[in-house]
N, C-alpha and C. Protein backbone atom coordinates (compact mmCIF):
# COMPACT_ATOMS: atom_id res chain seq x y z
N MET A 1 -6.87 -35.25 14.87
CA MET A 1 -7.17 -35.14 16.22
C MET A 1 -6.18 -35.15 17.10
N THR A 2 -6.07 -34.20 18.16
CA THR A 2 -4.91 -34.07 19.02
C THR A 2 -5.10 -34.89 20.30
N ARG A 3 -4.31 -35.53 20.45
CA ARG A 3 -4.62 -36.90 21.70
C ARG A 3 -3.15 -36.86 22.82
N ARG A 4 -3.37 -36.29 24.03
CA ARG A 4 -2.21 -36.45 25.02
C ARG A 4 -2.57 -37.52 26.09
N LEU A 5 -1.50 -38.08 26.21
CA LEU A 5 -1.34 -39.36 27.14
C LEU A 5 -0.38 -38.95 28.36
N LEU A 6 -0.80 -39.11 29.65
CA LEU A 6 -0.03 -39.16 30.41
C LEU A 6 0.04 -40.21 31.31
N ILE A 7 1.32 -40.87 31.68
CA ILE A 7 1.54 -42.17 32.15
C ILE A 7 2.31 -41.95 33.65
N LEU A 8 1.38 -42.40 34.60
CA LEU A 8 2.42 -42.53 35.95
C LEU A 8 2.97 -43.77 35.93
N GLY A 9 4.30 -43.71 36.42
CA GLY A 9 5.38 -45.20 36.41
C GLY A 9 5.38 -45.32 34.71
N SER A 10 6.10 -46.69 35.35
CA SER A 10 6.54 -47.40 34.00
C SER A 10 5.28 -47.97 33.13
N ILE A 11 5.51 -48.36 32.20
CA ILE A 11 4.54 -48.94 31.39
C ILE A 11 5.02 -50.21 30.50
N ALA A 12 4.37 -51.25 31.13
CA ALA A 12 4.63 -52.63 31.27
C ALA A 12 4.05 -53.17 29.56
N LEU A 13 4.52 -53.66 28.50
CA LEU A 13 4.13 -54.04 27.45
C LEU A 13 3.58 -55.34 27.76
N MET A 14 2.15 -55.74 27.83
CA MET A 14 1.63 -56.94 28.06
C MET A 14 0.94 -57.63 26.97
N ALA A 15 1.13 -59.04 26.92
CA ALA A 15 0.41 -59.78 26.05
C ALA A 15 -1.01 -59.69 25.82
N CYS A 16 -1.56 -59.72 24.47
CA CYS A 16 -2.84 -59.73 24.41
C CYS A 16 -4.01 -60.68 24.90
N THR A 17 -3.50 -61.75 25.34
CA THR A 17 -4.44 -62.89 25.64
C THR A 17 -4.09 -62.88 27.18
N ALA A 18 -5.20 -63.50 28.03
CA ALA A 18 -5.19 -63.49 29.20
C ALA A 18 -4.10 -64.78 29.92
N SER A 19 -3.77 -65.01 30.74
CA SER A 19 -2.82 -66.11 31.32
C SER A 19 -2.59 -65.65 32.61
N ALA A 20 -2.33 -66.80 33.44
CA ALA A 20 -2.57 -67.05 34.96
C ALA A 20 -1.06 -66.56 35.31
N LYS A 21 -0.05 -66.47 34.22
CA LYS A 21 1.13 -65.77 34.66
C LYS A 21 1.38 -64.34 34.04
N ASP A 22 0.52 -64.03 33.80
CA ASP A 22 0.36 -62.58 33.20
C ASP A 22 -0.82 -61.64 33.92
N PRO A 23 -0.31 -61.35 35.26
CA PRO A 23 -1.02 -60.53 36.17
C PRO A 23 -1.91 -59.31 36.23
N GLY A 24 -1.28 -58.67 34.95
CA GLY A 24 -1.74 -57.38 34.64
C GLY A 24 -1.05 -56.43 35.54
N ILE A 25 -1.63 -55.14 35.71
CA ILE A 25 -1.17 -54.14 36.60
C ILE A 25 -1.50 -54.58 37.82
N GLU A 26 -0.63 -53.85 38.89
CA GLU A 26 -0.71 -54.19 40.39
C GLU A 26 -2.16 -53.51 41.09
N VAL A 27 -2.92 -54.62 41.46
CA VAL A 27 -3.93 -53.87 42.46
C VAL A 27 -3.43 -53.61 43.79
N GLY A 28 -4.04 -52.34 44.08
CA GLY A 28 -3.75 -51.49 45.05
C GLY A 28 -2.21 -50.30 44.73
N GLY A 29 -2.28 -50.35 43.75
CA GLY A 29 -1.38 -48.90 43.27
C GLY A 29 -2.39 -47.97 42.26
N ILE A 30 -1.46 -46.95 41.92
CA ILE A 30 -2.45 -45.88 41.59
C ILE A 30 -2.69 -46.19 40.22
N ALA A 31 -3.60 -45.62 39.66
CA ALA A 31 -4.22 -45.96 38.27
C ALA A 31 -3.40 -44.95 37.53
N PRO A 32 -2.78 -45.72 36.18
CA PRO A 32 -2.31 -44.61 35.52
C PRO A 32 -3.01 -43.62 35.00
N ALA A 33 -2.57 -42.36 34.86
CA ALA A 33 -3.52 -41.32 33.98
C ALA A 33 -3.21 -41.40 32.61
N PHE A 34 -4.54 -40.80 32.21
CA PHE A 34 -4.65 -40.74 30.76
C PHE A 34 -5.61 -39.57 30.53
N GLU A 35 -5.71 -39.32 29.24
CA GLU A 35 -6.54 -38.38 28.97
C GLU A 35 -6.89 -38.83 26.94
N LEU A 36 -8.08 -39.34 26.76
CA LEU A 36 -8.73 -39.98 25.73
C LEU A 36 -9.70 -39.09 24.98
N VAL A 37 -10.02 -39.26 23.75
CA VAL A 37 -11.00 -38.41 23.30
C VAL A 37 -12.39 -39.50 23.09
N ASP A 38 -13.59 -39.00 23.04
CA ASP A 38 -14.44 -39.99 23.30
C ASP A 38 -15.09 -39.97 21.32
N LEU A 39 -15.99 -40.71 21.12
CA LEU A 39 -16.67 -40.64 19.76
C LEU A 39 -17.08 -39.49 19.42
N ASP A 40 -17.13 -38.45 20.49
CA ASP A 40 -17.93 -37.01 19.84
C ASP A 40 -17.04 -35.90 19.81
N GLY A 41 -15.50 -36.74 20.16
CA GLY A 41 -14.55 -35.70 20.21
C GLY A 41 -14.40 -34.92 21.52
N LYS A 42 -14.97 -35.46 22.95
CA LYS A 42 -14.83 -34.86 23.95
C LYS A 42 -13.55 -35.17 24.68
N THR A 43 -12.70 -34.80 25.22
CA THR A 43 -11.41 -35.12 25.84
C THR A 43 -12.05 -35.23 27.23
N HIS A 44 -11.52 -36.88 27.75
CA HIS A 44 -11.55 -37.16 29.35
C HIS A 44 -10.26 -37.65 29.67
N SER A 45 -10.31 -37.08 30.82
CA SER A 45 -8.90 -37.37 31.73
C SER A 45 -9.71 -37.94 32.94
N LEU A 46 -8.57 -38.89 33.42
CA LEU A 46 -8.66 -39.78 34.26
C LEU A 46 -8.91 -38.65 35.76
N SER A 47 -8.22 -37.52 35.72
CA SER A 47 -8.08 -36.83 36.91
C SER A 47 -9.37 -35.97 36.92
N ASP A 48 -10.15 -35.79 35.77
CA ASP A 48 -11.47 -35.28 35.61
C ASP A 48 -12.34 -36.02 36.93
N TYR A 49 -12.10 -36.94 37.29
CA TYR A 49 -13.15 -37.81 37.94
C TYR A 49 -12.36 -38.34 39.46
N ALA A 50 -11.54 -37.60 39.89
CA ALA A 50 -10.96 -37.29 41.07
C ALA A 50 -12.21 -37.60 41.92
N GLY A 51 -12.22 -38.40 42.85
CA GLY A 51 -13.09 -38.25 44.23
C GLY A 51 -14.15 -39.30 44.01
N LYS A 52 -14.29 -39.74 42.85
CA LYS A 52 -15.24 -40.71 42.54
C LYS A 52 -14.72 -42.17 42.11
N THR A 53 -15.72 -43.08 42.08
CA THR A 53 -15.29 -44.57 41.97
C THR A 53 -15.67 -44.58 40.35
N VAL A 54 -14.46 -44.88 39.77
CA VAL A 54 -14.49 -45.37 38.13
C VAL A 54 -14.32 -46.61 37.89
N VAL A 55 -15.20 -47.14 36.86
CA VAL A 55 -14.75 -48.54 36.33
C VAL A 55 -14.58 -48.16 35.00
N LEU A 56 -13.75 -48.79 34.50
CA LEU A 56 -12.90 -48.83 33.11
C LEU A 56 -13.23 -50.31 32.67
N GLU A 57 -13.82 -50.21 31.13
CA GLU A 57 -14.21 -51.62 30.70
C GLU A 57 -13.54 -51.48 29.10
N TRP A 58 -12.78 -52.51 29.07
CA TRP A 58 -11.78 -52.65 27.88
C TRP A 58 -13.12 -53.09 26.70
N PHE A 59 -13.12 -52.38 25.45
CA PHE A 59 -14.36 -52.62 24.83
C PHE A 59 -14.01 -52.67 23.25
N ASN A 60 -14.65 -53.57 22.70
CA ASN A 60 -14.53 -53.79 21.26
C ASN A 60 -15.71 -54.40 20.56
N PRO A 61 -16.67 -53.68 19.79
CA PRO A 61 -18.02 -54.00 19.23
C PRO A 61 -17.73 -55.04 18.51
N GLY A 62 -16.73 -55.46 17.86
CA GLY A 62 -16.82 -56.72 17.04
C GLY A 62 -16.47 -57.97 17.85
N CYS A 63 -15.99 -57.99 18.99
CA CYS A 63 -15.76 -59.24 19.81
C CYS A 63 -16.96 -59.95 20.51
N PRO A 64 -17.16 -61.09 19.86
CA PRO A 64 -18.49 -61.75 20.40
C PRO A 64 -18.60 -61.64 21.92
N TYR A 65 -17.60 -61.58 22.77
CA TYR A 65 -17.80 -61.71 24.16
C TYR A 65 -18.20 -60.16 24.43
N VAL A 66 -17.96 -59.53 24.00
CA VAL A 66 -18.58 -57.92 24.11
C VAL A 66 -19.80 -57.92 23.88
N VAL A 67 -20.18 -58.39 22.79
CA VAL A 67 -21.69 -58.62 22.22
C VAL A 67 -22.38 -59.37 23.00
N ASP A 68 -21.84 -60.36 23.53
CA ASP A 68 -22.74 -61.15 24.37
C ASP A 68 -22.90 -60.64 25.89
N THR A 69 -22.11 -59.78 26.48
CA THR A 69 -22.17 -59.41 27.53
C THR A 69 -23.34 -57.93 27.59
N HIS A 70 -23.00 -57.15 26.32
CA HIS A 70 -24.02 -56.24 26.22
C HIS A 70 -25.57 -56.28 25.86
N THR A 71 -25.75 -57.31 25.33
CA THR A 71 -26.98 -57.80 24.71
C THR A 71 -27.90 -58.29 25.77
N GLU A 72 -29.56 -58.24 25.41
CA GLU A 72 -30.41 -58.85 26.52
C GLU A 72 -30.01 -59.79 27.56
N GLY A 73 -29.87 -59.77 28.89
CA GLY A 73 -29.46 -60.76 29.42
C GLY A 73 -27.98 -60.99 30.00
N GLY A 74 -27.06 -60.50 29.17
CA GLY A 74 -25.86 -60.62 29.29
C GLY A 74 -25.16 -59.88 30.48
N ALA A 75 -24.06 -60.13 30.89
CA ALA A 75 -23.43 -59.90 32.39
C ALA A 75 -23.27 -58.28 32.23
N LEU A 76 -23.63 -57.67 31.39
CA LEU A 76 -23.08 -56.19 31.50
C LEU A 76 -24.62 -55.22 31.03
N PHE A 77 -25.56 -56.30 30.53
CA PHE A 77 -26.64 -55.46 30.04
C PHE A 77 -27.38 -54.64 31.10
N GLY A 78 -27.60 -53.26 31.03
CA GLY A 78 -28.14 -52.24 32.02
C GLY A 78 -27.10 -52.25 33.39
N VAL A 79 -25.79 -52.45 33.22
CA VAL A 79 -25.04 -52.73 34.63
C VAL A 79 -24.39 -51.48 34.61
N ALA A 80 -23.85 -50.90 33.29
CA ALA A 80 -23.26 -49.41 33.69
C ALA A 80 -24.10 -48.54 34.15
N LYS A 81 -25.40 -48.46 33.51
CA LYS A 81 -26.41 -47.41 33.74
C LYS A 81 -26.98 -47.53 35.27
N LYS A 82 -26.79 -48.65 35.87
CA LYS A 82 -27.41 -48.62 37.07
C LYS A 82 -26.53 -48.02 38.09
N HIS A 83 -24.98 -48.18 37.71
CA HIS A 83 -23.90 -47.90 38.80
C HIS A 83 -23.85 -46.04 38.28
N THR A 84 -23.72 -46.07 37.26
CA THR A 84 -23.67 -44.35 36.60
C THR A 84 -24.95 -43.69 37.50
N ASP A 85 -26.08 -44.30 37.54
CA ASP A 85 -27.29 -43.46 38.21
C ASP A 85 -27.07 -43.30 39.67
N ALA A 86 -26.09 -44.23 40.10
CA ALA A 86 -25.76 -43.92 41.61
C ALA A 86 -24.48 -43.20 41.66
N GLY A 87 -24.00 -42.61 40.84
CA GLY A 87 -22.87 -41.70 41.18
C GLY A 87 -21.58 -42.15 40.61
N VAL A 88 -21.41 -43.50 39.95
CA VAL A 88 -20.09 -44.45 39.68
C VAL A 88 -19.95 -43.69 38.26
N VAL A 89 -18.62 -43.66 37.91
CA VAL A 89 -18.06 -43.08 36.48
C VAL A 89 -17.89 -44.45 35.76
N TRP A 90 -18.37 -44.76 34.56
CA TRP A 90 -18.22 -45.57 33.58
C TRP A 90 -17.69 -45.34 32.39
N LEU A 91 -16.28 -45.90 32.20
CA LEU A 91 -16.01 -45.38 30.84
C LEU A 91 -15.55 -46.56 30.17
N ALA A 92 -15.89 -46.77 28.60
CA ALA A 92 -15.26 -47.74 27.95
C ALA A 92 -14.01 -47.26 27.23
N ILE A 93 -13.18 -48.08 27.08
CA ILE A 93 -11.79 -47.89 26.03
C ILE A 93 -11.75 -48.84 25.12
N ASN A 94 -11.43 -48.57 24.06
CA ASN A 94 -11.39 -49.30 22.77
C ASN A 94 -9.85 -48.87 22.48
N SER A 95 -9.05 -50.20 22.45
CA SER A 95 -7.57 -49.95 22.20
C SER A 95 -7.45 -50.37 20.91
N GLY A 96 -8.25 -50.72 20.26
CA GLY A 96 -7.68 -51.38 18.97
C GLY A 96 -7.43 -50.68 17.89
N ALA A 97 -6.39 -51.13 16.89
CA ALA A 97 -5.45 -50.29 16.24
C ALA A 97 -6.23 -50.04 15.08
N GLU A 98 -5.80 -49.33 14.16
CA GLU A 98 -6.67 -49.05 12.96
C GLU A 98 -6.37 -50.23 12.19
N GLY A 99 -7.77 -50.69 11.33
CA GLY A 99 -7.68 -51.81 10.46
C GLY A 99 -7.96 -52.69 11.16
N LYS A 100 -8.04 -52.95 12.41
CA LYS A 100 -8.37 -54.36 13.25
C LYS A 100 -9.69 -54.10 13.70
N GLN A 101 -10.13 -55.41 14.09
CA GLN A 101 -11.47 -55.75 14.46
C GLN A 101 -11.71 -54.81 15.44
N GLY A 102 -13.27 -53.99 15.30
CA GLY A 102 -13.75 -53.16 16.36
C GLY A 102 -13.00 -51.68 16.36
N HIS A 103 -12.13 -51.38 15.44
CA HIS A 103 -11.59 -49.93 15.34
C HIS A 103 -12.48 -48.97 15.31
N ASP A 104 -12.96 -49.18 13.83
CA ASP A 104 -13.77 -48.35 13.10
C ASP A 104 -14.99 -47.66 14.02
N PRO A 105 -14.67 -46.05 14.34
CA PRO A 105 -15.48 -45.26 15.33
C PRO A 105 -17.11 -45.39 15.23
N GLU A 106 -17.63 -45.74 13.46
CA GLU A 106 -18.62 -45.56 13.20
C GLU A 106 -19.32 -47.02 13.66
N GLU A 107 -18.68 -48.25 13.55
CA GLU A 107 -19.08 -49.34 14.43
C GLU A 107 -19.10 -49.27 16.01
N ASN A 108 -18.51 -48.44 16.23
CA ASN A 108 -18.97 -48.29 17.85
C ASN A 108 -19.60 -47.58 17.95
N ARG A 109 -19.89 -46.30 17.30
CA ARG A 109 -21.32 -45.46 17.28
C ARG A 109 -22.54 -46.38 17.60
N LYS A 110 -22.43 -47.31 16.15
CA LYS A 110 -23.50 -48.29 16.11
C LYS A 110 -23.84 -48.96 17.21
N ALA A 111 -22.91 -49.52 17.96
CA ALA A 111 -22.98 -50.41 18.66
C ALA A 111 -23.55 -49.72 20.25
N LYS A 112 -22.83 -48.63 20.49
CA LYS A 112 -23.46 -47.63 21.45
C LYS A 112 -24.95 -47.34 21.56
N ALA A 113 -25.27 -46.81 20.22
CA ALA A 113 -26.88 -46.69 19.91
C ALA A 113 -27.56 -48.34 20.29
N ASP A 114 -27.38 -49.37 19.57
CA ASP A 114 -27.99 -50.15 19.80
C ASP A 114 -28.08 -50.75 21.08
N TRP A 115 -27.02 -50.91 21.99
CA TRP A 115 -27.11 -51.38 23.00
C TRP A 115 -27.41 -50.55 24.31
N GLY A 116 -27.94 -49.38 23.92
CA GLY A 116 -28.33 -48.00 24.59
C GLY A 116 -27.13 -47.84 25.70
N LEU A 117 -26.37 -47.51 25.14
CA LEU A 117 -24.90 -47.22 26.43
C LEU A 117 -25.00 -45.80 26.32
N GLU A 118 -25.02 -45.23 27.76
CA GLU A 118 -24.92 -43.89 28.03
C GLU A 118 -23.67 -43.38 28.13
N HIS A 119 -22.86 -44.23 28.46
CA HIS A 119 -21.38 -43.79 28.95
C HIS A 119 -20.54 -43.68 27.69
N PRO A 120 -19.35 -42.83 27.97
CA PRO A 120 -18.77 -42.46 26.93
C PRO A 120 -17.67 -43.96 26.38
N ILE A 121 -17.43 -43.99 25.04
CA ILE A 121 -16.53 -44.74 24.66
C ILE A 121 -15.41 -44.10 24.06
N LEU A 122 -13.94 -44.10 24.80
CA LEU A 122 -12.97 -43.48 24.56
C LEU A 122 -11.81 -44.25 23.44
N LEU A 123 -11.26 -43.44 22.87
CA LEU A 123 -10.70 -44.18 21.61
C LEU A 123 -9.13 -44.14 21.98
N ASP A 124 -8.44 -45.08 22.05
CA ASP A 124 -6.98 -45.59 22.22
C ASP A 124 -6.18 -46.19 21.14
N PRO A 125 -6.07 -45.70 20.02
CA PRO A 125 -5.72 -46.58 18.75
C PRO A 125 -4.27 -46.99 18.64
N ASP A 126 -3.41 -45.93 19.48
CA ASP A 126 -2.17 -46.50 19.61
C ASP A 126 -1.79 -47.39 20.95
N GLY A 127 -2.71 -47.66 21.50
CA GLY A 127 -2.79 -48.82 22.37
C GLY A 127 -1.92 -48.37 23.80
N GLN A 128 -1.55 -46.97 23.73
CA GLN A 128 -0.76 -46.87 24.89
C GLN A 128 -1.57 -46.88 26.44
N VAL A 129 -2.85 -46.38 26.55
CA VAL A 129 -3.27 -46.89 27.86
C VAL A 129 -3.53 -48.24 27.86
N GLY A 130 -4.14 -48.71 26.99
CA GLY A 130 -4.54 -50.31 27.24
C GLY A 130 -3.35 -51.11 27.83
N LYS A 131 -2.14 -50.40 26.91
CA LYS A 131 -0.74 -51.56 27.36
C LYS A 131 -0.24 -50.85 28.88
N ALA A 132 -0.63 -49.54 29.22
CA ALA A 132 -0.41 -48.96 30.57
C ALA A 132 -1.04 -49.74 31.59
N TYR A 133 -2.49 -50.40 31.32
CA TYR A 133 -3.18 -51.02 32.36
C TYR A 133 -2.89 -52.74 32.08
N GLY A 134 -2.34 -53.01 31.28
CA GLY A 134 -2.15 -54.47 30.96
C GLY A 134 -3.29 -54.86 30.37
N ALA A 135 -4.16 -53.97 29.92
CA ALA A 135 -5.68 -54.57 29.45
C ALA A 135 -5.17 -55.78 28.36
N ARG A 136 -5.71 -57.10 28.66
CA ARG A 136 -5.64 -58.19 27.59
C ARG A 136 -6.68 -58.60 26.74
N THR A 137 -7.80 -58.44 27.53
CA THR A 137 -9.02 -59.06 26.79
C THR A 137 -10.17 -57.69 26.47
N THR A 138 -11.18 -58.19 25.65
CA THR A 138 -12.40 -57.13 25.85
C THR A 138 -13.59 -58.23 25.92
N PRO A 139 -14.29 -58.26 27.23
CA PRO A 139 -13.86 -57.20 28.20
C PRO A 139 -12.73 -57.63 29.38
N HIS A 140 -12.26 -56.57 29.88
CA HIS A 140 -11.19 -56.58 30.87
C HIS A 140 -11.59 -55.69 31.66
N MET A 141 -11.96 -55.43 32.89
CA MET A 141 -12.55 -54.55 33.88
C MET A 141 -11.70 -54.31 34.68
N TYR A 142 -11.75 -52.97 35.45
CA TYR A 142 -10.99 -52.31 36.23
C TYR A 142 -11.79 -51.22 37.42
N VAL A 143 -11.73 -51.41 38.46
CA VAL A 143 -12.55 -50.47 39.43
C VAL A 143 -11.34 -49.74 40.30
N ILE A 144 -11.63 -48.26 39.93
CA ILE A 144 -10.73 -47.53 40.68
C ILE A 144 -11.54 -46.74 42.07
N ASP A 145 -10.86 -46.93 43.09
CA ASP A 145 -11.47 -46.07 43.90
C ASP A 145 -11.37 -44.23 44.05
N PRO A 146 -12.23 -43.71 44.71
CA PRO A 146 -12.04 -42.12 44.78
C PRO A 146 -10.57 -41.44 45.02
N LYS A 147 -9.82 -42.29 45.61
CA LYS A 147 -8.34 -41.98 45.86
C LYS A 147 -7.38 -42.13 44.59
N GLY A 148 -7.99 -42.87 43.50
CA GLY A 148 -7.25 -42.94 42.35
C GLY A 148 -6.36 -44.43 42.44
N VAL A 149 -6.84 -45.37 43.42
CA VAL A 149 -6.31 -46.76 43.64
C VAL A 149 -7.02 -47.83 42.94
N ILE A 150 -6.57 -48.43 42.23
CA ILE A 150 -6.88 -49.45 41.27
C ILE A 150 -7.31 -50.77 42.53
N GLN A 151 -8.84 -51.30 42.63
CA GLN A 151 -9.05 -52.11 43.66
C GLN A 151 -9.71 -53.42 42.96
N TYR A 152 -10.04 -53.28 41.84
CA TYR A 152 -10.24 -54.68 41.33
C TYR A 152 -9.67 -54.45 39.64
N GLU A 153 -9.09 -55.92 39.11
CA GLU A 153 -8.74 -56.12 37.86
C GLU A 153 -9.17 -57.16 37.24
N GLY A 154 -10.20 -57.62 36.16
CA GLY A 154 -10.50 -59.08 35.89
C GLY A 154 -11.54 -59.17 34.87
N ALA A 155 -12.30 -60.24 35.38
CA ALA A 155 -13.55 -60.59 34.73
C ALA A 155 -14.85 -59.67 35.22
N VAL A 156 -15.78 -59.94 34.14
CA VAL A 156 -16.88 -59.22 34.49
C VAL A 156 -17.62 -60.31 35.35
N ASP A 157 -17.46 -61.83 35.17
CA ASP A 157 -18.11 -62.61 36.09
C ASP A 157 -17.20 -63.78 35.81
N ASN A 158 -18.00 -65.23 36.25
CA ASN A 158 -17.54 -66.53 36.17
C ASN A 158 -17.82 -67.06 35.20
N GLN A 159 -18.74 -66.53 34.15
CA GLN A 159 -19.43 -67.27 33.18
C GLN A 159 -19.41 -66.92 31.69
N PRO A 160 -18.04 -67.17 31.40
CA PRO A 160 -18.16 -66.56 29.61
C PRO A 160 -19.16 -66.95 29.09
N MET A 161 -19.56 -66.09 28.15
CA MET A 161 -20.66 -66.55 27.11
C MET A 161 -21.73 -67.17 27.78
N ARG A 162 -22.06 -66.79 29.05
CA ARG A 162 -23.03 -67.19 29.96
C ARG A 162 -23.10 -68.86 29.91
N GLN A 163 -21.97 -69.64 30.27
CA GLN A 163 -21.83 -70.75 30.01
C GLN A 163 -22.42 -71.48 31.36
N ALA A 164 -23.48 -72.48 31.36
CA ALA A 164 -24.12 -72.67 32.61
C ALA A 164 -23.82 -73.75 33.54
N THR A 165 -22.14 -73.33 34.05
CA THR A 165 -21.59 -74.30 35.06
C THR A 165 -21.53 -73.64 36.29
N GLY A 166 -22.56 -74.23 37.28
CA GLY A 166 -22.25 -73.61 38.74
C GLY A 166 -23.18 -72.36 38.75
N ASP A 167 -23.01 -71.69 39.72
CA ASP A 167 -23.70 -70.55 40.27
C ASP A 167 -22.86 -69.06 39.33
N ARG A 168 -23.14 -68.28 39.44
CA ARG A 168 -22.90 -67.25 38.51
C ARG A 168 -22.41 -66.43 39.56
N VAL A 169 -20.98 -65.91 39.60
CA VAL A 169 -20.46 -64.65 40.64
C VAL A 169 -20.21 -63.32 39.85
N PRO A 170 -20.65 -62.66 40.11
CA PRO A 170 -20.57 -61.06 39.34
C PRO A 170 -19.61 -60.40 39.91
N TYR A 171 -18.31 -60.80 39.41
CA TYR A 171 -17.04 -60.40 40.39
C TYR A 171 -17.09 -58.54 40.29
N LEU A 172 -17.15 -58.21 39.16
CA LEU A 172 -17.59 -56.58 38.79
C LEU A 172 -18.37 -56.13 39.70
N GLU A 173 -19.31 -56.27 39.88
CA GLU A 173 -20.61 -55.99 40.34
C GLU A 173 -20.28 -55.81 41.87
N HIS A 174 -19.69 -57.01 42.49
CA HIS A 174 -19.42 -57.20 43.81
C HIS A 174 -18.48 -56.10 44.30
N ALA A 175 -17.17 -55.83 43.49
CA ALA A 175 -16.41 -54.95 43.56
C ALA A 175 -16.60 -53.30 43.67
N VAL A 176 -17.44 -53.23 42.59
CA VAL A 176 -18.15 -51.86 42.65
C VAL A 176 -18.86 -51.64 43.94
N ARG A 177 -19.73 -52.66 44.20
CA ARG A 177 -20.42 -52.44 45.45
C ARG A 177 -19.58 -52.02 46.72
N ASP A 178 -18.57 -52.86 46.68
CA ASP A 178 -17.49 -52.84 47.53
C ASP A 178 -16.79 -51.08 47.85
N VAL A 179 -16.24 -51.12 46.73
CA VAL A 179 -15.41 -49.81 46.61
C VAL A 179 -16.50 -48.60 46.95
N ALA A 180 -17.92 -48.60 46.25
CA ALA A 180 -18.56 -47.68 46.21
C ALA A 180 -18.95 -47.20 47.88
N ALA A 181 -18.68 -48.48 48.69
CA ALA A 181 -19.27 -48.25 50.13
C ALA A 181 -18.00 -48.09 50.88
N GLY A 182 -16.95 -47.28 50.34
CA GLY A 182 -15.61 -46.98 50.95
C GLY A 182 -14.63 -48.12 51.52
N ASN A 183 -14.96 -49.48 50.89
CA ASN A 183 -14.22 -50.44 51.26
C ASN A 183 -13.31 -51.16 50.29
N LYS A 184 -12.02 -51.74 50.05
CA LYS A 184 -11.64 -52.86 49.50
C LYS A 184 -12.42 -53.41 48.74
N ALA A 185 -12.08 -54.20 47.36
CA ALA A 185 -12.74 -55.37 46.91
C ALA A 185 -12.55 -56.20 47.43
N GLY A 186 -13.60 -57.16 47.65
CA GLY A 186 -13.35 -58.51 48.45
C GLY A 186 -13.05 -59.52 47.58
N THR A 187 -12.80 -59.66 46.76
CA THR A 187 -12.30 -60.19 45.40
C THR A 187 -11.42 -59.35 44.55
N PRO A 188 -10.22 -58.95 44.98
CA PRO A 188 -9.48 -57.59 44.30
C PRO A 188 -9.16 -58.17 42.57
N ARG A 189 -8.70 -59.38 42.39
CA ARG A 189 -8.30 -59.81 40.97
C ARG A 189 -8.92 -60.97 40.64
N THR A 190 -9.04 -61.32 38.98
CA THR A 190 -9.56 -62.51 38.73
C THR A 190 -9.13 -62.55 37.40
N ARG A 191 -9.25 -63.66 36.57
CA ARG A 191 -8.61 -63.97 35.35
C ARG A 191 -9.78 -63.28 34.44
N PRO A 192 -9.30 -62.23 33.33
CA PRO A 192 -10.21 -61.93 32.43
C PRO A 192 -10.46 -62.83 31.56
N TYR A 193 -11.54 -62.97 30.56
CA TYR A 193 -11.39 -63.67 29.27
C TYR A 193 -12.45 -62.80 28.36
N GLY A 194 -12.28 -63.08 27.19
CA GLY A 194 -12.82 -62.50 26.14
C GLY A 194 -11.84 -62.54 24.83
N CYS A 195 -12.12 -61.84 23.75
CA CYS A 195 -10.92 -61.58 22.71
C CYS A 195 -9.82 -60.91 23.36
N SER A 196 -8.90 -61.15 22.44
CA SER A 196 -7.62 -60.37 22.79
C SER A 196 -7.89 -58.88 22.62
N VAL A 197 -7.21 -58.06 23.40
CA VAL A 197 -7.05 -56.57 22.64
C VAL A 197 -6.46 -56.62 21.25
N LYS A 198 -6.89 -55.88 20.40
CA LYS A 198 -6.55 -55.79 19.11
C LYS A 198 -5.73 -54.81 18.45
N TYR A 199 -4.31 -54.69 19.50
CA TYR A 199 -3.40 -53.88 19.42
C TYR A 199 -2.62 -53.70 18.40
């Protein structure tokens, strides 16, 4: 299967686990371009979605955090469909290497069906796109505005695995709402949580 990758700017090799000293890609900068194939063999380029708000979700169907967010009552349950119905583009990206947890395309297809996901899951087995974005966890979320500028990078919310400490703050949904309305994200960066990306 042929895959081409176009990266704008330098590629920073990032650690696989989140750290306050590891800020990831620059918010306010142009999102690195890419071209990846989905589970059905269709090619998707970031440039295909110029002029639209785009959400990137780093994905691993074997990660307990991803499982939790996508099952009923989870932080991402039904969220992608709600926003795609409103015109937002949502792309999941699996940067797991061959033989690593969650890499198997069949496992991804099963998760997509079980969780009722209608958006594409893109395969990045060599991890180049994940590393270009500085993706460290699954999930790790990015919101790109219609001009191709990264406006948000970080966590889905402030409650990993639905821990009940304080009020839930849906960082991602707030960012999507802000960007879709033509504004900058009110909170542009948070610390992502989840499993390490299995590069």
